[in-house]
Amino acid sequence: MSNGPNPLTSPLFDAAGFRHAFFSCEGGVSTGPYATLNFSYSVGDEPHNVAENFARAAAWLGISPDGLYFAQQVHGKDAVTLRSDLTSEAVRFMQADAIVGSSSEQACCVRTADCVPVLVADRMSGQVAAIHAGWRGVAGGIVPETLFRLFDTGCKPQNLIACVGPHIRVGAFEVSEAVAEHINQATPGFDVVRRTPGQLPHVSLAESLIEQLRRAGVGHNQVEDVGGCTFTQADRFFSYRRSGQTCGRHLHAILPRGTHR
């Protein structure tokens, strides 16, 4: 019998009063290549197991499963801003790689299996965002685009905090020269590529995203990285690059909070 989810959390977000989670593959009911906490219905897992996994994540966060909002991720840079009339079921048919919200009953979520989850919160307004950043999203600017959406609502960079979650780390993320160049172009003058003679380049997605946050005005002391490599830590994380399509997907979530602290 599973003991339930045991997600990674951020002390920075905890101190600011934001309920959040970077769920690992532990604490669910799925079996086989989806063992045990898989959050995707489309990879071949039993639907009733996936539904139970969502229920467990929602319970850990203290909300209803209907309060978990995530979209169809397409490696772009569009975001969905939640409204009170939007159901989580409706959002699941939308194509977007970030969810922005302000209601404490609507958890902003993304799903990954090597890509980078980034959670963002405004300590003054209580607004939050969950961002899915694969290498295309990193190169395309999904993080600054989502921050600009927050800025448009009145959020200030100095009030934001951000956290990078588990993903494929630089030692395992081997890419082509073309992909490495695309990613490097997202932070001109700041090299995130590691090269070893005779090998393909490796890229640090985390370094690129943290630099993009800094350039948008979010200081280094406002950013945290909870660690975790999805590729090398097979006992704790799913990895598309390691296992292919037949593997689970992680859920990463954050709840907005009130302005009074």
C-alpha atoms as a PDB file:
ATOM      1  CA  MET A   1       0.000   0.000   0.000  1.00  0.00           C
ATOM      2  CA  SER A   2       1.449   3.340  -1.018  1.00  0.00           C
ATOM      3  CA  ASN A   3       2.147   5.926   1.650  1.00  0.00           C
ATOM      4  CA  GLY A   4       1.102   8.742  -0.657  1.00  0.00           C
ATOM      5  CA  PRO A   5       3.003  11.424  -2.557  1.00  0.00           C
ATOM      6  CA  ASN A   6       6.280  12.805  -1.254  1.00  0.00           C
ATOM      7  CA  PRO A   7       6.910  15.855  -3.445  1.00  0.00           C
ATOM      8  CA  LEU A   8       9.837  18.231  -3.483  1.00  0.00           C
ATOM      9  CA  THR A   9       9.038  21.677  -2.106  1.00  0.00           C
ATOM     10  CA  SER A  10      10.745  25.042  -1.953  1.00  0.00           C
ATOM     11  CA  PRO A  11      11.648  26.681   1.388  1.00  0.00           C
ATOM     12  CA  LEU A  12      11.377  30.043  -0.391  1.00  0.00           C
ATOM     13  CA  PHE A  13       7.770  29.334  -1.363  1.00  0.00           C
ATOM     14  CA  ASP A  14       6.958  27.800   2.022  1.00  0.00           C
ATOM     15  CA  ALA A  15       8.182  30.942   3.783  1.00  0.00           C
ATOM     16  CA  ALA A  16       5.958  33.075   1.546  1.00  0.00           C
ATOM     17  CA  GLY A  17       2.895  30.941   2.278  1.00  0.00           C
ATOM     18  CA  PHE A  18       2.369  29.296  -1.096  1.00  0.00           C
ATOM     19  CA  ARG A  19       1.099  25.714  -1.162  1.00  0.00           C
ATOM     20  CA  HIS A  20       2.976  23.969  -3.957  1.00  0.00           C
ATOM     21  CA  ALA A  21       4.529  20.678  -5.018  1.00  0.00           C
ATOM     22  CA  PHE A  22       6.957  19.160  -7.482  1.00  0.00           C
ATOM     23  CA  PHE A  23       5.605  15.597  -7.427  1.00  0.00           C
ATOM     24  CA  SER A  24       8.053  12.745  -7.951  1.00  0.00           C
ATOM     25  CA  CYS A  25       7.076   9.292  -9.252  1.00  0.00           C
ATOM     26  CA  GLU A  26       6.485   8.083  -5.690  1.00  0.00           C
ATOM     27  CA  GLY A  27       3.216   7.606  -3.851  1.00  0.00           C
ATOM     28  CA  GLY A  28       0.730   6.633  -6.555  1.00  0.00           C
ATOM     29  CA  VAL A  29      -1.110   3.504  -7.670  1.00  0.00           C
ATOM     30  CA  SER A  30       0.069   3.010 -11.271  1.00  0.00           C
ATOM     31  CA  THR A  31       2.146  -0.049 -12.173  1.00  0.00           C
ATOM     32  CA  GLY A  32       4.771  -1.136 -14.706  1.00  0.00           C
ATOM     33  CA  PRO A  33       6.519   1.683 -16.583  1.00  0.00           C
ATOM     34  CA  TYR A  34       4.080   4.158 -14.993  1.00  0.00           C
ATOM     35  CA  ALA A  35       4.914   3.212 -11.402  1.00  0.00           C
ATOM     36  CA  THR A  36       3.605   4.769  -9.415  1.00  0.00           C
ATOM     37  CA  LEU A  37       2.482   8.404  -9.549  1.00  0.00           C
ATOM     38  CA  ASN A  38       1.722   8.991 -13.233  1.00  0.00           C
ATOM     39  CA  PHE A  39      -0.387  11.992 -14.270  1.00  0.00           C
ATOM     40  CA  SER A  40      -0.983  11.303 -17.968  1.00  0.00           C
ATOM     41  CA  TYR A  41      -3.991   9.526 -19.458  1.00  0.00           C
ATOM     42  CA  SER A  42      -2.397   9.375 -22.920  1.00  0.00           C
ATOM     43  CA  VAL A  43       0.691   7.210 -22.316  1.00  0.00           C
ATOM     44  CA  GLY A  44      -1.056   3.852 -21.901  1.00  0.00           C
ATOM     45  CA  ASP A  45      -1.736   3.804 -18.170  1.00  0.00           C
ATOM     46  CA  GLU A  46      -5.044   2.584 -16.727  1.00  0.00           C
ATOM     47  CA  PRO A  47      -7.412   5.583 -16.521  1.00  0.00           C
ATOM     48  CA  HIS A  48      -8.671   4.686 -13.058  1.00  0.00           C
ATOM     49  CA  ASN A  49      -5.087   4.651 -11.766  1.00  0.00           C
ATOM     50  CA  VAL A  50      -4.373   8.077 -13.237  1.00  0.00           C
ATOM     51  CA  ALA A  51      -7.587   9.447 -11.711  1.00  0.00           C
ATOM     52  CA  GLU A  52      -6.547   8.114  -8.306  1.00  0.00           C
ATOM     53  CA  ASN A  53      -3.117   9.709  -8.703  1.00  0.00           C
ATOM     54  CA  PHE A  54      -4.721  13.071  -9.416  1.00  0.00           C
ATOM     55  CA  ALA A  55      -6.958  12.608  -6.379  1.00  0.00           C
ATOM     56  CA  ARG A  56      -3.889  11.952  -4.208  1.00  0.00           C
ATOM     57  CA  ALA A  57      -2.095  15.034  -5.509  1.00  0.00           C
ATOM     58  CA  ALA A  58      -5.187  17.170  -4.929  1.00  0.00           C
ATOM     59  CA  ALA A  59      -5.543  15.826  -1.397  1.00  0.00           C
ATOM     60  CA  TRP A  60      -1.887  16.624  -0.677  1.00  0.00           C
ATOM     61  CA  LEU A  61      -2.515  20.197  -1.865  1.00  0.00           C
ATOM     62  CA  GLY A  62      -5.757  20.412   0.105  1.00  0.00           C
ATOM     63  CA  ILE A  63      -8.098  20.953  -2.848  1.00  0.00           C
ATOM     64  CA  SER A  64     -10.578  19.058  -5.009  1.00  0.00           C
ATOM     65  CA  PRO A  65      -9.255  17.153  -8.056  1.00  0.00           C
ATOM     66  CA  ASP A  66     -11.361  19.566 -10.134  1.00  0.00           C
ATOM     67  CA  GLY A  67      -9.087  22.319  -8.860  1.00  0.00           C
ATOM     68  CA  LEU A  68      -6.033  21.022 -10.750  1.00  0.00           C
ATOM     69  CA  TYR A  69      -5.680  23.137 -13.896  1.00  0.00           C
ATOM     70  CA  PHE A  70      -3.327  22.112 -16.703  1.00  0.00           C
ATOM     71  CA  ALA A  71      -3.405  22.511 -20.481  1.00  0.00           C
ATOM     72  CA  GLN A  72      -2.222  20.624 -23.555  1.00  0.00           C
ATOM     73  CA  GLN A  73       1.467  21.473 -23.669  1.00  0.00           C
ATOM     74  CA  VAL A  74       2.862  22.131 -27.148  1.00  0.00           C
ATOM     75  CA  HIS A  75       6.377  23.510 -26.476  1.00  0.00           C
ATOM     76  CA  GLY A  76       5.228  27.027 -27.314  1.00  0.00           C
ATOM     77  CA  LYS A  77       5.096  30.205 -25.247  1.00  0.00           C
ATOM     78  CA  ASP A  78       1.371  30.811 -24.753  1.00  0.00           C
ATOM     79  CA  ALA A  79      -0.188  31.001 -21.302  1.00  0.00           C
ATOM     80  CA  VAL A  80      -3.747  30.537 -20.053  1.00  0.00           C
ATOM     81  CA  THR A  81      -4.952  33.023 -17.444  1.00  0.00           C
ATOM     82  CA  LEU A  82      -7.563  31.326 -15.296  1.00  0.00           C
ATOM     83  CA  ARG A  83     -10.983  32.872 -14.677  1.00  0.00           C
ATOM     84  CA  SER A  84     -13.706  31.851 -12.278  1.00  0.00           C
ATOM     85  CA  ASP A  85     -15.867  30.583 -15.156  1.00  0.00           C
ATOM     86  CA  LEU A  86     -13.141  28.322 -16.572  1.00  0.00           C
ATOM     87  CA  THR A  87     -13.379  24.684 -15.556  1.00  0.00           C
ATOM     88  CA  SER A  88     -10.310  22.497 -15.286  1.00  0.00           C
ATOM     89  CA  GLU A  89     -11.842  20.201 -17.906  1.00  0.00           C
ATOM     90  CA  ALA A  90     -12.127  23.080 -20.395  1.00  0.00           C
ATOM     91  CA  VAL A  91      -8.522  24.151 -19.806  1.00  0.00           C
ATOM     92  CA  ARG A  92      -7.275  20.636 -20.567  1.00  0.00           C
ATOM     93  CA  PHE A  93      -8.361  21.126 -24.185  1.00  0.00           C
ATOM     94  CA  MET A  94      -6.449  24.410 -24.536  1.00  0.00           C
ATOM     95  CA  GLN A  95      -2.956  24.530 -25.991  1.00  0.00           C
ATOM     96  CA  ALA A  96      -0.577  26.377 -23.683  1.00  0.00           C
ATOM     97  CA  ASP A  97       2.651  25.877 -21.769  1.00  0.00           C
ATOM     98  CA  ALA A  98       1.912  28.070 -18.777  1.00  0.00           C
ATOM     99  CA  ILE A  99      -1.006  28.567 -16.428  1.00  0.00           C
ATOM    100  CA  VAL A 100      -1.507  31.859 -14.556  1.00  0.00           C
ATOM    101  CA  GLY A 101      -3.996  32.201 -11.729  1.00  0.00           C
ATOM    102  CA  SER A 102      -5.177  34.196  -8.728  1.00  0.00           C
ATOM    103  CA  SER A 103      -7.878  32.036  -7.106  1.00  0.00           C
ATOM    104  CA  SER A 104      -6.875  29.877  -4.137  1.00  0.00           C
ATOM    105  CA  GLU A 105      -9.270  27.198  -5.424  1.00  0.00           C
ATOM    106  CA  GLN A 106      -7.485  26.867  -8.785  1.00  0.00           C
ATOM    107  CA  ALA A 107      -4.056  25.220  -8.712  1.00  0.00           C
ATOM    108  CA  CYS A 108      -1.847  26.170 -11.645  1.00  0.00           C
ATOM    109  CA  CYS A 109      -0.164  22.997 -12.923  1.00  0.00           C
ATOM    110  CA  VAL A 110       2.184  21.674 -15.600  1.00  0.00           C
ATOM    111  CA  ARG A 111       3.328  18.141 -16.408  1.00  0.00           C
ATOM    112  CA  THR A 112       6.837  16.994 -17.352  1.00  0.00           C
ATOM    113  CA  ALA A 113       9.100  14.018 -17.979  1.00  0.00           C
ATOM    114  CA  ASP A 114      12.489  15.759 -18.539  1.00  0.00           C
ATOM    115  CA  CYS A 115      11.397  19.321 -19.352  1.00  0.00           C
ATOM    116  CA  VAL A 116      11.777  22.031 -16.742  1.00  0.00           C
ATOM    117  CA  PRO A 117       8.898  22.990 -14.443  1.00  0.00           C
ATOM    118  CA  VAL A 118       9.108  26.551 -13.165  1.00  0.00           C
ATOM    119  CA  LEU A 119       6.754  27.891 -10.495  1.00  0.00           C
ATOM    120  CA  VAL A 120       6.402  31.637  -9.980  1.00  0.00           C
ATOM    121  CA  ALA A 121       4.563  33.574  -7.268  1.00  0.00           C
ATOM    122  CA  ASP A 122       3.946  37.205  -6.362  1.00  0.00           C
ATOM    123  CA  ARG A 123       4.441  37.747  -2.627  1.00  0.00           C
ATOM    124  CA  MET A 124       2.242  40.869  -2.650  1.00  0.00           C
ATOM    125  CA  SER A 125      -0.756  39.962  -4.815  1.00  0.00           C
ATOM    126  CA  GLY A 126      -0.713  36.218  -4.248  1.00  0.00           C
ATOM    127  CA  GLN A 127      -0.870  35.516  -7.988  1.00  0.00           C
ATOM    128  CA  VAL A 128       1.045  32.527  -9.340  1.00  0.00           C
ATOM    129  CA  ALA A 129       2.136  30.826 -12.543  1.00  0.00           C
ATOM    130  CA  ALA A 130       3.228  27.322 -13.481  1.00  0.00           C
ATOM    131  CA  ILE A 131       5.469  27.050 -16.546  1.00  0.00           C
ATOM    132  CA  HIS A 132       6.528  24.083 -18.708  1.00  0.00           C
ATOM    133  CA  ALA A 133       9.866  24.735 -20.420  1.00  0.00           C
ATOM    134  CA  GLY A 134      11.393  22.188 -22.753  1.00  0.00           C
ATOM    135  CA  TRP A 135      14.368  23.291 -24.801  1.00  0.00           C
ATOM    136  CA  ARG A 136      12.035  24.895 -27.343  1.00  0.00           C
ATOM    137  CA  GLY A 137      10.282  26.796 -24.583  1.00  0.00           C
ATOM    138  CA  VAL A 138      13.602  27.887 -23.121  1.00  0.00           C
ATOM    139  CA  ALA A 139      14.790  29.081 -26.536  1.00  0.00           C
ATOM    140  CA  GLY A 140      11.430  30.683 -27.328  1.00  0.00           C
ATOM    141  CA  GLY A 141      11.152  32.609 -24.082  1.00  0.00           C
ATOM    142  CA  ILE A 142       8.194  30.948 -22.339  1.00  0.00           C
ATOM    143  CA  VAL A 143       9.424  32.174 -18.928  1.00  0.00           C
ATOM    144  CA  PRO A 144       9.781  35.893 -19.760  1.00  0.00           C
ATOM    145  CA  GLU A 145       6.545  35.793 -21.769  1.00  0.00           C
ATOM    146  CA  THR A 146       4.716  34.448 -18.722  1.00  0.00           C
ATOM    147  CA  LEU A 147       6.348  37.042 -16.463  1.00  0.00           C
ATOM    148  CA  PHE A 148       5.202  39.808 -18.819  1.00  0.00           C
ATOM    149  CA  ARG A 149       1.659  38.517 -18.411  1.00  0.00           C
ATOM    150  CA  LEU A 150       2.045  38.877 -14.654  1.00  0.00           C
ATOM    151  CA  PHE A 151       3.552  42.340 -15.069  1.00  0.00           C
ATOM    152  CA  ASP A 152       0.512  43.367 -17.120  1.00  0.00           C
ATOM    153  CA  THR A 153      -1.672  42.654 -14.075  1.00  0.00           C
ATOM    154  CA  GLY A 154       0.437  44.920 -11.869  1.00  0.00           C
ATOM    155  CA  CYS A 155       2.981  42.468 -10.476  1.00  0.00           C
ATOM    156  CA  LYS A 156       6.449  43.897  -9.835  1.00  0.00           C
ATOM    157  CA  PRO A 157       9.667  41.942 -10.463  1.00  0.00           C
ATOM    158  CA  GLN A 158      10.954  42.652  -6.958  1.00  0.00           C
ATOM    159  CA  ASN A 159       7.900  40.940  -5.471  1.00  0.00           C
ATOM    160  CA  LEU A 160       8.225  37.730  -7.485  1.00  0.00           C
ATOM    161  CA  ILE A 161       9.788  34.482  -6.352  1.00  0.00           C
ATOM    162  CA  ALA A 162      10.501  31.556  -8.655  1.00  0.00           C
ATOM    163  CA  CYS A 163      11.527  27.945  -8.305  1.00  0.00           C
ATOM    164  CA  VAL A 164      13.027  25.535 -10.829  1.00  0.00           C
ATOM    165  CA  GLY A 165      11.982  21.905 -10.386  1.00  0.00           C
ATOM    166  CA  PRO A 166      13.422  18.487 -11.297  1.00  0.00           C
ATOM    167  CA  HIS A 167      14.384  18.047 -14.954  1.00  0.00           C
ATOM    168  CA  ILE A 168      17.097  16.579 -17.148  1.00  0.00           C
ATOM    169  CA  ARG A 169      20.321  18.180 -15.952  1.00  0.00           C
ATOM    170  CA  VAL A 170      23.309  19.349 -17.934  1.00  0.00           C
ATOM    171  CA  GLY A 171      25.329  16.141 -17.488  1.00  0.00           C
ATOM    172  CA  ALA A 172      22.624  14.101 -19.208  1.00  0.00           C
ATOM    173  CA  PHE A 173      21.238  16.658 -21.649  1.00  0.00           C
ATOM    174  CA  GLU A 174      23.235  16.041 -24.821  1.00  0.00           C
ATOM    175  CA  VAL A 175      21.983  17.980 -27.853  1.00  0.00           C
ATOM    176  CA  SER A 176      22.963  18.866 -31.399  1.00  0.00           C
ATOM    177  CA  GLU A 177      25.024  21.959 -32.168  1.00  0.00           C
ATOM    178  CA  ALA A 178      21.923  23.566 -33.703  1.00  0.00           C
ATOM    179  CA  VAL A 179      19.823  23.030 -30.578  1.00  0.00           C
ATOM    180  CA  ALA A 180      22.656  24.275 -28.360  1.00  0.00           C
ATOM    181  CA  GLU A 181      22.875  27.454 -30.421  1.00  0.00           C
ATOM    182  CA  HIS A 182      19.093  28.009 -30.281  1.00  0.00           C
ATOM    183  CA  ILE A 183      19.171  27.775 -26.495  1.00  0.00           C
ATOM    184  CA  ASN A 184      22.222  30.011 -26.165  1.00  0.00           C
ATOM    185  CA  GLN A 185      20.511  32.700 -28.248  1.00  0.00           C
ATOM    186  CA  ALA A 186      17.912  33.080 -25.485  1.00  0.00           C
ATOM    187  CA  THR A 187      20.595  34.633 -23.238  1.00  0.00           C
ATOM    188  CA  PRO A 188      23.025  36.557 -25.483  1.00  0.00           C
ATOM    189  CA  GLY A 189      26.409  36.896 -23.829  1.00  0.00           C
ATOM    190  CA  PHE A 190      25.637  34.191 -21.266  1.00  0.00           C
ATOM    191  CA  ASP A 191      26.862  30.749 -22.346  1.00  0.00           C
ATOM    192  CA  VAL A 192      24.931  27.736 -21.010  1.00  0.00           C
ATOM    193  CA  VAL A 193      26.621  25.172 -23.274  1.00  0.00           C
ATOM    194  CA  ARG A 194      29.243  22.730 -21.989  1.00  0.00           C
ATOM    195  CA  ARG A 195      31.592  21.224 -24.570  1.00  0.00           C
ATOM    196  CA  THR A 196      33.979  18.267 -24.355  1.00  0.00           C
ATOM    197  CA  PRO A 197      36.260  17.454 -27.309  1.00  0.00           C
ATOM    198  CA  GLY A 198      34.843  14.651 -29.427  1.00  0.00           C
ATOM    199  CA  GLN A 199      31.368  14.837 -27.876  1.00  0.00           C
ATOM    200  CA  LEU A 200      28.109  16.574 -28.652  1.00  0.00           C
ATOM    201  CA  PRO A 201      27.403  19.656 -26.548  1.00  0.00           C
ATOM    202  CA  HIS A 202      25.521  19.519 -23.264  1.00  0.00           C
ATOM    203  CA  VAL A 203      23.221  22.341 -22.156  1.00  0.00           C
ATOM    204  CA  SER A 204      22.104  23.613 -18.749  1.00  0.00           C
ATOM    205  CA  LEU A 205      18.439  24.489 -19.084  1.00  0.00           C
ATOM    206  CA  ALA A 206      18.330  25.642 -15.466  1.00  0.00           C
ATOM    207  CA  GLU A 207      21.119  28.182 -15.957  1.00  0.00           C
ATOM    208  CA  SER A 208      19.394  29.586 -19.030  1.00  0.00           C
ATOM    209  CA  LEU A 209      16.055  29.961 -17.267  1.00  0.00           C
ATOM    210  CA  ILE A 210      17.552  31.506 -14.130  1.00  0.00           C
ATOM    211  CA  GLU A 211      19.406  34.020 -16.301  1.00  0.00           C
ATOM    212  CA  GLN A 212      16.170  34.803 -18.151  1.00  0.00           C
ATOM    213  CA  LEU A 213      14.477  35.400 -14.795  1.00  0.00           C
ATOM    214  CA  ARG A 214      17.321  37.698 -13.756  1.00  0.00           C
ATOM    215  CA  ARG A 215      17.075  39.710 -16.974  1.00  0.00           C
ATOM    216  CA  ALA A 216      13.352  40.151 -16.335  1.00  0.00           C
ATOM    217  CA  GLY A 217      14.140  41.661 -12.941  1.00  0.00           C
ATOM    218  CA  VAL A 218      13.837  38.622 -10.658  1.00  0.00           C
ATOM    219  CA  GLY A 219      17.025  38.645  -8.588  1.00  0.00           C
ATOM    220  CA  HIS A 220      19.092  35.582  -7.737  1.00  0.00           C
ATOM    221  CA  ASN A 221      17.980  35.723  -4.095  1.00  0.00           C
ATOM    222  CA  GLN A 222      14.394  35.452  -5.356  1.00  0.00           C
ATOM    223  CA  VAL A 223      15.044  32.184  -7.235  1.00  0.00           C
ATOM    224  CA  GLU A 224      15.463  28.663  -5.920  1.00  0.00           C
ATOM    225  CA  ASP A 225      16.277  25.320  -7.552  1.00  0.00           C
ATOM    226  CA  VAL A 226      14.982  22.265  -5.669  1.00  0.00           C
ATOM    227  CA  GLY A 227      17.318  19.939  -7.576  1.00  0.00           C
ATOM    228  CA  GLY A 228      16.693  16.518  -9.038  1.00  0.00           C
ATOM    229  CA  CYS A 229      17.721  15.015 -12.364  1.00  0.00           C
ATOM    230  CA  THR A 230      14.927  13.128 -14.090  1.00  0.00           C
ATOM    231  CA  PHE A 231      17.327  11.187 -16.319  1.00  0.00           C
ATOM    232  CA  THR A 232      19.833   9.902 -13.776  1.00  0.00           C
ATOM    233  CA  GLN A 233      17.534   9.384 -10.764  1.00  0.00           C
ATOM    234  CA  ALA A 234      15.409   6.555 -12.136  1.00  0.00           C
ATOM    235  CA  ASP A 235      14.221   5.562  -8.661  1.00  0.00           C
ATOM    236  CA  ARG A 236      12.497   8.920  -8.185  1.00  0.00           C
ATOM    237  CA  PHE A 237      11.652  10.415 -11.577  1.00  0.00           C
ATOM    238  CA  PHE A 238      10.204   9.559 -14.969  1.00  0.00           C
ATOM    239  CA  SER A 239      12.329  10.420 -18.002  1.00  0.00           C
ATOM    240  CA  TYR A 240      11.180  10.510 -21.613  1.00  0.00           C
ATOM    241  CA  ARG A 241      14.771  10.456 -22.837  1.00  0.00           C
ATOM    242  CA  ARG A 242      15.578   7.420 -20.716  1.00  0.00           C
ATOM    243  CA  SER A 243      12.371   5.414 -21.248  1.00  0.00           C
ATOM    244  CA  GLY A 244      10.628   6.819 -24.321  1.00  0.00           C
ATOM    245  CA  GLN A 245       6.910   7.483 -24.637  1.00  0.00           C
ATOM    246  CA  THR A 246       6.035   4.550 -22.376  1.00  0.00           C
ATOM    247  CA  CYS A 247       6.709   6.251 -19.077  1.00  0.00           C
ATOM    248  CA  GLY A 248       4.777   8.391 -16.645  1.00  0.00           C
ATOM    249  CA  ARG A 249       4.462  12.145 -16.412  1.00  0.00           C
ATOM    250  CA  HIS A 250       5.028  14.314 -13.353  1.00  0.00           C
ATOM    251  CA  LEU A 251       2.696  16.994 -12.042  1.00  0.00           C
ATOM    252  CA  HIS A 252       3.935  20.287 -10.619  1.00  0.00           C
ATOM    253  CA  ALA A 253       1.452  22.618  -8.969  1.00  0.00           C
ATOM    254  CA  ILE A 254       1.091  25.879  -7.066  1.00  0.00           C
ATOM    255  CA  LEU A 255      -1.928  27.509  -5.438  1.00  0.00           C
ATOM    256  CA  PRO A 256      -2.467  31.275  -5.337  1.00  0.00           C
ATOM    257  CA  ARG A 257      -2.936  32.763  -1.877  1.00  0.00           C
ATOM    258  CA  GLY A 258      -4.553  35.831  -0.353  1.00  0.00           C
ATOM    259  CA  THR A 259      -2.738  39.135  -0.061  1.00  0.00           C
ATOM    260  CA  HIS A 260      -2.896  39.248   3.740  1.00  0.00           C
ATOM    261  CA  ARG A 261       0.029  37.623   5.541  1.00  0.00           C
END
